[in-house]
């Protein structure tokens, strides 16, 4: 599963783009708002379960229009099918909110 993935987050006010490395039990990434993603994951029963945090820099706008004046960190999690990177819409939970995202595999990383 060690690979680089493109991410598109679908929001009421448009969409956000980012990239994630997912492999060796870790998730590391960033998006165009300056958010940073750090998580761990486990694979079990055809599912991939992610748990981690999204760190937001001061002045960023998130969730389709909510401006963050000071930096903040939010919990995030997901329970996705193993083939989550097929471009179909997946549900990710960030700060208790359900967020729709799509993922596409860019390439494997050894």
Protein backbone atom coordinates (compact mmCIF):
# COMPACT_ATOMS: atom_id res chain seq x y z
CA UNK A 1 0.00 0.00 0.00
CA UNK A 2 3.02 2.34 0.20
CA UNK A 3 2.08 4.99 -2.35
CA UNK A 4 1.40 8.65 -3.03
CA UNK A 5 -2.29 9.52 -3.38
CA UNK A 6 -4.10 12.58 -4.71
CA UNK A 7 -7.03 13.76 -2.60
CA UNK A 8 -10.00 15.92 -3.53
CA UNK A 9 -12.26 17.10 -0.71
CA UNK A 10 -15.81 18.00 -1.74
CA UNK A 11 -17.19 21.01 0.17
CA UNK A 12 -20.33 23.12 -0.10
CA UNK A 13 -18.23 26.06 -1.30
CA UNK A 14 -16.19 24.06 -3.81
CA UNK A 15 -13.39 21.58 -3.33
CA UNK A 16 -9.91 21.27 -1.90
CA UNK A 17 -6.92 19.39 -3.28
CA UNK A 18 -4.10 17.63 -1.51
CA UNK A 19 -1.66 14.75 -1.55
CA UNK A 20 -1.07 11.95 0.94
CA UNK A 21 1.62 9.37 1.45
CA UNK A 22 0.03 6.20 2.80
CA UNK A 23 2.30 3.32 3.69
CA UNK A 24 4.04 1.35 6.44
CA UNK A 25 1.19 2.16 8.83
CA UNK A 26 1.55 5.95 8.39
CA UNK A 27 -0.35 8.69 6.61
CA UNK A 28 1.39 12.02 5.94
CA UNK A 29 0.04 14.76 3.72
CA UNK A 30 -0.89 18.34 2.99
CA UNK A 31 -3.51 20.28 1.06
CA UNK A 32 -3.77 23.63 -0.72
CA UNK A 33 -5.06 25.39 2.42
CA UNK A 34 -1.81 24.58 4.20
CA UNK A 35 -3.38 21.87 6.34
CA UNK A 36 -1.14 18.99 7.33
CA UNK A 37 -2.38 15.44 7.85
CA UNK A 38 -0.77 12.89 10.15
CA UNK A 39 -2.35 9.54 10.97
CA UNK A 40 -1.84 5.84 11.38
CA UNK A 41 -3.85 3.09 9.75
CA UNK A 42 -4.59 -0.59 10.04
CA UNK A 43 -5.83 -3.01 7.40
CA UNK A 44 -8.34 -5.64 8.46
CA UNK A 45 -11.12 -7.60 6.80
CA UNK A 46 -10.93 -5.73 3.49
CA UNK A 47 -11.08 -2.35 5.26
CA UNK A 48 -8.53 0.36 6.01
CA UNK A 49 -9.05 2.29 9.26
CA UNK A 50 -7.35 5.67 9.67
CA UNK A 51 -6.98 7.67 12.91
CA UNK A 52 -5.02 10.89 13.27
CA UNK A 53 -5.04 14.68 13.16
CA UNK A 54 -5.41 17.54 10.71
CA UNK A 55 -3.32 20.61 11.67
CA UNK A 56 -4.49 23.97 10.32
CA UNK A 57 -2.23 27.03 10.04
CA UNK A 58 -3.41 30.47 11.23
CA UNK A 59 -5.63 32.26 8.70
CA UNK A 60 -6.71 29.14 6.82
CA UNK A 61 -10.30 28.62 5.70
CA UNK A 62 -11.80 25.17 6.24
CA UNK A 63 -15.13 23.35 5.94
CA UNK A 64 -16.29 25.48 3.04
CA UNK A 65 -15.84 28.90 4.59
CA UNK A 66 -14.97 28.68 8.29
CA UNK A 67 -11.86 30.84 8.88
CA UNK A 68 -9.37 29.75 11.53
CA UNK A 69 -7.67 32.83 13.04
CA UNK A 70 -5.25 30.83 15.14
CA UNK A 71 -3.69 27.51 14.22
CA UNK A 72 -5.71 24.49 15.29
CA UNK A 73 -5.57 20.71 15.35
CA UNK A 74 -8.60 18.52 14.70
CA UNK A 75 -9.07 14.78 15.10
CA UNK A 76 -9.82 12.84 11.94
CA UNK A 77 -10.76 9.25 11.19
CA UNK A 78 -12.05 7.05 8.42
CA UNK A 79 -13.11 3.46 7.89
CA UNK A 80 -12.73 2.87 4.15
CA UNK A 81 -12.84 -0.09 1.78
CA UNK A 82 -9.41 -1.38 0.76
CA UNK A 83 -10.03 -0.05 -2.78
CA UNK A 84 -10.71 3.50 -1.45
CA UNK A 85 -8.42 5.04 -4.10
CA UNK A 86 -10.67 4.28 -7.07
CA UNK A 87 -11.95 7.87 -7.37
CA UNK A 88 -15.32 7.16 -5.75
CA UNK A 89 -16.63 9.37 -2.93
CA UNK A 90 -15.59 8.27 0.56
CA UNK A 91 -16.65 9.58 3.98
CA UNK A 92 -13.96 10.95 6.30
CA UNK A 93 -14.69 12.38 9.75
CA UNK A 94 -12.87 15.60 10.70
CA UNK A 95 -13.65 17.34 14.01
CA UNK A 96 -16.85 15.29 14.27
CA UNK A 97 -18.04 16.39 10.81
CA UNK A 98 -18.51 14.08 7.87
CA UNK A 99 -16.47 15.22 4.88
CA UNK A 100 -16.66 13.73 1.40
CA UNK A 101 -13.36 13.00 -0.31
CA UNK A 102 -12.06 11.12 -3.31
CA UNK A 103 -8.64 9.51 -3.56
CA UNK A 104 -6.60 8.41 -6.55
CA UNK A 105 -3.33 6.55 -6.48
CA UNK A 106 -0.53 8.52 -8.13
CA UNK A 107 2.15 5.86 -7.79
CA UNK A 108 3.78 3.26 -5.62
CA UNK A 109 6.65 4.12 -3.28
CA UNK A 110 8.98 1.23 -2.41
